[in-house]
C-alpha atoms as a PDB file:
ATOM      1  CA  MET A   1     -21.570  -4.610 -11.238  1.00  0.00           C
ATOM      2  CA  SER A   2     -18.500  -3.069 -12.890  1.00  0.00           C
ATOM      3  CA  ALA A   3     -15.021  -3.232 -11.336  1.00  0.00           C
ATOM      4  CA  ALA A   4     -15.216   0.515 -10.595  1.00  0.00           C
ATOM      5  CA  GLU A   5     -18.573   0.094  -8.828  1.00  0.00           C
ATOM      6  CA  ARG A   6     -17.216  -2.872  -6.865  1.00  0.00           C
ATOM      7  CA  LYS A   7     -14.187  -0.810  -5.779  1.00  0.00           C
ATOM      8  CA  ASP A   8     -16.445   2.061  -4.661  1.00  0.00           C
ATOM      9  CA  GLU A   9     -18.601  -0.338  -2.630  1.00  0.00           C
ATOM     10  CA  LEU A  10     -15.511  -1.882  -1.033  1.00  0.00           C
ATOM     11  CA  ARG A  11     -14.094   1.575  -0.239  1.00  0.00           C
ATOM     12  CA  ARG A  12     -17.247   2.550   1.647  1.00  0.00           C
ATOM     13  CA  ASP A  13     -17.222  -0.687   3.668  1.00  0.00           C
ATOM     14  CA  LEU A  14     -13.497  -0.646   4.456  1.00  0.00           C
ATOM     15  CA  ILE A  15     -13.456   3.044   5.426  1.00  0.00           C
ATOM     16  CA  ARG A  16     -16.437   2.378   7.708  1.00  0.00           C
ATOM     17  CA  ARG A  17     -14.525  -0.496   9.371  1.00  0.00           C
ATOM     18  CA  ARG A  18     -11.489   1.721   9.883  1.00  0.00           C
ATOM     19  CA  LEU A  19     -13.519   4.589  11.335  1.00  0.00           C
ATOM     20  CA  GLU A  20     -15.384   2.277  13.737  1.00  0.00           C
ATOM     21  CA  LEU A  21     -12.210   1.345  15.620  1.00  0.00           C
ATOM     22  CA  GLY A  22     -12.340   2.679  19.160  1.00  0.00           C
ATOM     23  CA  GLU A  23      -9.770   5.216  20.346  1.00  0.00           C
ATOM     24  CA  ASP A  24      -8.017   2.760  22.702  1.00  0.00           C
ATOM     25  CA  ARG A  25      -7.760   0.073  20.032  1.00  0.00           C
ATOM     26  CA  ARG A  26      -6.558   2.618  17.472  1.00  0.00           C
ATOM     27  CA  ASP A  27      -3.876   3.965  19.867  1.00  0.00           C
ATOM     28  CA  ARG A  28      -2.583   0.449  20.640  1.00  0.00           C
ATOM     29  CA  ALA A  29      -2.608  -0.443  16.944  1.00  0.00           C
ATOM     30  CA  ASP A  30      -0.782   2.777  15.993  1.00  0.00           C
ATOM     31  CA  SER A  31       1.961   2.000  18.534  1.00  0.00           C
ATOM     32  CA  ALA A  32       2.355  -1.563  17.243  1.00  0.00           C
ATOM     33  CA  ILE A  33       2.430  -0.376  13.611  1.00  0.00           C
ATOM     34  CA  ALA A  34       5.082   2.259  14.384  1.00  0.00           C
ATOM     35  CA  ALA A  35       7.254  -0.276  16.243  1.00  0.00           C
ATOM     36  CA  THR A  36       7.067  -2.739  13.338  1.00  0.00           C
ATOM     37  CA  ALA A  37       7.894  -0.019  10.796  1.00  0.00           C
ATOM     38  CA  ALA A  38      10.874   1.124  12.905  1.00  0.00           C
ATOM     39  CA  ARG A  39      12.220  -2.458  13.033  1.00  0.00           C
ATOM     40  CA  LEU A  40      11.822  -2.749   9.245  1.00  0.00           C
ATOM     41  CA  VAL A  41      13.731   0.498   8.649  1.00  0.00           C
ATOM     42  CA  SER A  42      16.515  -0.586  11.008  1.00  0.00           C
ATOM     43  CA  GLU A  43      16.777  -4.149   9.682  1.00  0.00           C
ATOM     44  CA  PHE A  44      17.198  -3.072   6.049  1.00  0.00           C
ATOM     45  CA  ASP A  45      18.929   0.225   6.874  1.00  0.00           C
ATOM     46  CA  PHE A  46      16.515   2.178   4.678  1.00  0.00           C
ATOM     47  CA  ARG A  47      17.761   5.780   4.481  1.00  0.00           C
ATOM     48  CA  ILE A  48      15.063   7.581   2.447  1.00  0.00           C
ATOM     49  CA  ILE A  49      11.545   6.793   3.620  1.00  0.00           C
ATOM     50  CA  ALA A  50       8.286   8.148   2.242  1.00  0.00           C
ATOM     51  CA  ALA A  51       5.335   8.025   4.610  1.00  0.00           C
ATOM     52  CA  PHE A  52       2.101   9.938   5.179  1.00  0.00           C
ATOM     53  CA  VAL A  53       0.233  12.019   7.738  1.00  0.00           C
ATOM     54  CA  VAL A  54      -2.992  10.733   9.228  1.00  0.00           C
ATOM     55  CA  HIS A  55      -6.187  11.477   7.293  1.00  0.00           C
ATOM     56  CA  ARG A  56      -9.713  10.063   7.679  1.00  0.00           C
ATOM     57  CA  GLY A  57      -8.880   7.429  10.269  1.00  0.00           C
ATOM     58  CA  GLU A  58      -5.611   6.170   8.772  1.00  0.00           C
ATOM     59  CA  PRO A  59      -2.917   4.928  11.161  1.00  0.00           C
ATOM     60  CA  ASP A  60      -1.135   7.824  12.874  1.00  0.00           C
ATOM     61  CA  LEU A  61       2.594   7.692  12.082  1.00  0.00           C
ATOM     62  CA  LYS A  62       3.580  10.991  13.741  1.00  0.00           C
ATOM     63  CA  GLY A  63       5.729   9.308  16.402  1.00  0.00           C
ATOM     64  CA  LEU A  64       7.414   7.161  13.753  1.00  0.00           C
ATOM     65  CA  LEU A  65       8.134  10.211  11.577  1.00  0.00           C
ATOM     66  CA  GLU A  66       9.751  11.980  14.529  1.00  0.00           C
ATOM     67  CA  TRP A  67      11.816   8.867  15.366  1.00  0.00           C
ATOM     68  CA  LEU A  68      12.976   8.572  11.746  1.00  0.00           C
ATOM     69  CA  ASP A  69      14.042  12.221  11.767  1.00  0.00           C
ATOM     70  CA  ALA A  70      15.912  11.736  15.068  1.00  0.00           C
ATOM     71  CA  GLU A  71      17.655   8.694  13.522  1.00  0.00           C
ATOM     72  CA  GLU A  72      18.847  10.976  10.701  1.00  0.00           C
ATOM     73  CA  ARG A  73      16.753   9.241   8.049  1.00  0.00           C
ATOM     74  CA  THR A  74      15.377  11.351   5.219  1.00  0.00           C
ATOM     75  CA  VAL A  75      11.611  11.498   5.707  1.00  0.00           C
ATOM     76  CA  LEU A  76       9.398  12.367   2.754  1.00  0.00           C
ATOM     77  CA  LEU A  77       5.704  13.148   2.521  1.00  0.00           C
ATOM     78  CA  PRO A  78       3.559  13.126  -0.614  1.00  0.00           C
ATOM     79  CA  VAL A  79       2.588  16.378  -2.303  1.00  0.00           C
ATOM     80  CA  VAL A  80      -0.208  16.372  -4.889  1.00  0.00           C
ATOM     81  CA  ARG A  81      -0.010  18.673  -7.902  1.00  0.00           C
ATOM     82  CA  ASP A  82      -2.664  18.309 -10.568  1.00  0.00           C
ATOM     83  CA  LEU A  83      -2.709  14.565 -11.362  1.00  0.00           C
ATOM     84  CA  ASP A  84       0.801  13.850 -10.122  1.00  0.00           C
ATOM     85  CA  MET A  85       2.254  13.061  -6.740  1.00  0.00           C
ATOM     86  CA  HIS A  86       5.707  14.262  -5.728  1.00  0.00           C
ATOM     87  CA  PHE A  87       7.639  13.761  -2.506  1.00  0.00           C
ATOM     88  CA  ARG A  88       9.072  16.517  -0.325  1.00  0.00           C
ATOM     89  CA  ARG A  89      11.367  16.291   2.645  1.00  0.00           C
ATOM     90  CA  TRP A  90       9.720  16.608   6.059  1.00  0.00           C
ATOM     91  CA  THR A  91      11.160  17.493   9.447  1.00  0.00           C
ATOM     92  CA  PRO A  92       9.296  18.298  12.667  1.00  0.00           C
ATOM     93  CA  GLU A  93       9.894  21.987  11.844  1.00  0.00           C
ATOM     94  CA  SER A  94       8.395  21.782   8.334  1.00  0.00           C
ATOM     95  CA  GLU A  95       5.673  24.246   7.457  1.00  0.00           C
ATOM     96  CA  MET A  96       2.590  22.255   6.451  1.00  0.00           C
ATOM     97  CA  ARG A  97      -0.458  23.259   4.426  1.00  0.00           C
ATOM     98  CA  ALA A  98      -3.607  21.291   3.578  1.00  0.00           C
ATOM     99  CA  ASN A  99      -4.015  20.310  -0.070  1.00  0.00           C
ATOM    100  CA  ARG A 100      -7.317  20.179  -1.962  1.00  0.00           C
ATOM    101  CA  TYR A 101      -8.144  16.873  -0.221  1.00  0.00           C
ATOM    102  CA  GLY A 102      -7.499  18.306   3.244  1.00  0.00           C
ATOM    103  CA  ILE A 103      -4.234  16.370   3.653  1.00  0.00           C
ATOM    104  CA  ALA A 104      -1.268  18.217   5.174  1.00  0.00           C
ATOM    105  CA  GLU A 105       1.778  18.596   2.897  1.00  0.00           C
ATOM    106  CA  PRO A 106       5.217  20.176   3.371  1.00  0.00           C
ATOM    107  CA  VAL A 107       5.132  23.636   1.765  1.00  0.00           C
ATOM    108  CA  ALA A 108       8.662  24.372   0.644  1.00  0.00           C
ATOM    109  CA  SER A 109      11.337  21.747   0.939  1.00  0.00           C
ATOM    110  CA  GLU A 110      13.598  19.559  -1.160  1.00  0.00           C
ATOM    111  CA  GLU A 111      11.799  17.296  -3.657  1.00  0.00           C
ATOM    112  CA  PHE A 112      12.723  13.678  -4.349  1.00  0.00           C
ATOM    113  CA  ALA A 113      11.798  11.503  -7.326  1.00  0.00           C
ATOM    114  CA  PRO A 114       9.968   8.237  -6.542  1.00  0.00           C
ATOM    115  CA  ALA A 115      12.959   6.208  -7.808  1.00  0.00           C
ATOM    116  CA  GLN A 116      15.209   7.830  -5.153  1.00  0.00           C
ATOM    117  CA  ILE A 117      13.166   6.384  -2.281  1.00  0.00           C
ATOM    118  CA  ASP A 118      14.185   3.218  -0.396  1.00  0.00           C
ATOM    119  CA  LEU A 119      10.905   2.493   1.405  1.00  0.00           C
ATOM    120  CA  VAL A 120       7.383   3.784   0.830  1.00  0.00           C
ATOM    121  CA  LEU A 121       4.924   3.404   3.694  1.00  0.00           C
ATOM    122  CA  MET A 122       1.662   3.698   1.768  1.00  0.00           C
ATOM    123  CA  PRO A 123      -1.758   4.614   3.105  1.00  0.00           C
ATOM    124  CA  LEU A 124      -4.619   2.521   1.813  1.00  0.00           C
ATOM    125  CA  VAL A 125      -8.288   1.781   2.181  1.00  0.00           C
ATOM    126  CA  GLY A 126      -7.960  -1.979   1.810  1.00  0.00           C
ATOM    127  CA  PHE A 127      -5.538  -4.788   1.028  1.00  0.00           C
ATOM    128  CA  ALA A 128      -5.710  -8.467   0.122  1.00  0.00           C
ATOM    129  CA  ALA A 129      -3.404 -11.422   0.752  1.00  0.00           C
ATOM    130  CA  ASN A 130      -2.087 -11.296  -2.834  1.00  0.00           C
ATOM    131  CA  GLY A 131      -0.644  -7.787  -2.338  1.00  0.00           C
ATOM    132  CA  ALA A 132      -3.512  -5.955  -3.992  1.00  0.00           C
ATOM    133  CA  ARG A 133      -4.053  -2.443  -2.611  1.00  0.00           C
ATOM    134  CA  LEU A 134      -7.225  -0.388  -2.735  1.00  0.00           C
ATOM    135  CA  GLY A 135      -6.606   3.333  -2.404  1.00  0.00           C
ATOM    136  CA  MET A 136      -8.976   6.277  -2.526  1.00  0.00           C
ATOM    137  CA  GLY A 137      -9.357   5.929  -6.286  1.00  0.00           C
ATOM    138  CA  ALA A 138      -7.344   8.830  -7.687  1.00  0.00           C
ATOM    139  CA  GLY A 139      -4.400   6.607  -8.739  1.00  0.00           C
ATOM    140  CA  PHE A 140      -1.647   8.873  -7.382  1.00  0.00           C
ATOM    141  CA  TYR A 141       0.480   6.038  -5.968  1.00  0.00           C
ATOM    142  CA  ASP A 142      -0.087   3.818  -9.019  1.00  0.00           C
ATOM    143  CA  ARG A 143       1.125   6.574 -11.351  1.00  0.00           C
ATOM    144  CA  ALA A 144       4.065   7.572  -9.133  1.00  0.00           C
ATOM    145  CA  PHE A 145       5.326   3.992  -8.866  1.00  0.00           C
ATOM    146  CA  ALA A 146       4.284   2.636 -12.271  1.00  0.00           C
ATOM    147  CA  PHE A 147       7.973   1.918 -12.958  1.00  0.00           C
ATOM    148  CA  ARG A 148       7.784  -0.774 -10.239  1.00  0.00           C
ATOM    149  CA  HIS A 149       4.997  -2.672 -12.016  1.00  0.00           C
ATOM    150  CA  GLY A 150       6.111  -6.278 -12.461  1.00  0.00           C
ATOM    151  CA  ARG A 151       9.496  -5.673 -10.764  1.00  0.00           C
ATOM    152  CA  GLN A 152       9.002  -7.164  -7.311  1.00  0.00           C
ATOM    153  CA  ASP A 153      12.646  -7.041  -6.131  1.00  0.00           C
ATOM    154  CA  ASP A 154      13.433  -3.408  -6.923  1.00  0.00           C
ATOM    155  CA  LEU A 155      13.470  -0.356  -4.695  1.00  0.00           C
ATOM    156  CA  PRO A 156      11.577   1.360  -3.407  1.00  0.00           C
ATOM    157  CA  ARG A 157       9.907  -1.286  -1.302  1.00  0.00           C
ATOM    158  CA  LEU A 158       6.173  -0.568  -1.321  1.00  0.00           C
ATOM    159  CA  VAL A 159       4.694  -1.439   2.066  1.00  0.00           C
ATOM    160  CA  GLY A 160       1.087  -0.690   2.919  1.00  0.00           C
ATOM    161  CA  VAL A 161       0.156   0.560   6.376  1.00  0.00           C
ATOM    162  CA  ALA A 162      -3.297  -0.294   7.677  1.00  0.00           C
ATOM    163  CA  TYR A 163      -5.359  -1.795  10.458  1.00  0.00           C
ATOM    164  CA  SER A 164      -6.074  -5.518  10.185  1.00  0.00           C
ATOM    165  CA  VAL A 165      -9.817  -4.768   9.792  1.00  0.00           C
ATOM    166  CA  GLN A 166      -8.965  -3.315   6.378  1.00  0.00           C
ATOM    167  CA  GLU A 167      -8.048  -6.710   4.923  1.00  0.00           C
ATOM    168  CA  ALA A 168     -10.427  -7.922   2.225  1.00  0.00           C
ATOM    169  CA  THR A 169     -10.811 -11.490   1.009  1.00  0.00           C
ATOM    170  CA  SER A 170     -10.104 -10.260  -2.509  1.00  0.00           C
ATOM    171  CA  LEU A 171      -9.938  -6.963  -4.366  1.00  0.00           C
ATOM    172  CA  PRO A 172     -10.625  -6.154  -8.004  1.00  0.00           C
ATOM    173  CA  VAL A 173      -7.341  -5.347  -9.743  1.00  0.00           C
ATOM    174  CA  ASP A 174      -6.845  -3.231 -12.851  1.00  0.00           C
ATOM    175  CA  ASP A 175      -3.841  -3.483 -15.186  1.00  0.00           C
ATOM    176  CA  TRP A 176      -2.374  -0.226 -13.849  1.00  0.00           C
ATOM    177  CA  ASP A 177      -2.631  -1.172 -10.152  1.00  0.00           C
ATOM    178  CA  VAL A 178       0.841  -1.490  -8.619  1.00  0.00           C
ATOM    179  CA  PRO A 179       0.878  -4.259  -5.983  1.00  0.00           C
ATOM    180  CA  LEU A 180       2.342  -3.975  -2.512  1.00  0.00           C
ATOM    181  CA  ASP A 181       5.534  -5.765  -1.506  1.00  0.00           C
ATOM    182  CA  GLY A 182       4.215  -6.089   2.034  1.00  0.00           C
ATOM    183  CA  ILE A 183       1.754  -4.816   4.624  1.00  0.00           C
ATOM    184  CA  ILE A 184       2.198  -3.570   8.185  1.00  0.00           C
ATOM    185  CA  THR A 185      -0.762  -3.847  10.541  1.00  0.00           C
ATOM    186  CA  GLU A 186      -0.971  -4.005  14.320  1.00  0.00           C
ATOM    187  CA  LYS A 187      -0.395  -7.763  13.874  1.00  0.00           C
ATOM    188  CA  GLY A 188       3.041  -7.230  12.319  1.00  0.00           C
ATOM    189  CA  LEU A 189       4.719  -7.245   8.902  1.00  0.00           C
ATOM    190  CA  ARG A 190       3.664  -9.614   6.140  1.00  0.00           C
ATOM    191  CA  TRP A 191       5.534  -9.871   2.827  1.00  0.00           C
ATOM    192  CA  PHE A 192       3.696 -10.770  -0.374  1.00  0.00           C
ATOM    193  CA  GLY A 193       4.946 -12.768  -3.350  1.00  0.00           C
END
């Protein structure tokens, strides 16, 4: 089995695990994840934070996004154009529109380059204890943050956000895969490396 086939098989299994979480468990986990992310932002005084809106059973960060905005942090959401991902400012009043993947994006707001961001809260399908991240397979985050490859101590901090059921024993890694600095689950924050 090729690495690509192995990744596809893992994606199916890990998405299934995520979608099988019950509503009560998901709600409790989302609250714990948001509280941990808020503590991380406060502890390091991150000012520009990229996050995401819920899609296909991902953790729901809406309450966290609203808290960040109320705390006068700059909140960014990803915007996909062709093969590239950009980041636009979000506020609770932002006009949103679904992209070709059905993911809501801010329509018209200030854009930020990936290198301007302090903290990136990244969605993922799976993660492993070595910081490997399995996304949906389009490579948007890997391309956007390729400049971080091999530079573990630089900003932005790349922190995955997931449910603990999305942890895999190991994940196949390609040369272009950018590893996570840490992961937030309902069990807390874990740093890698």
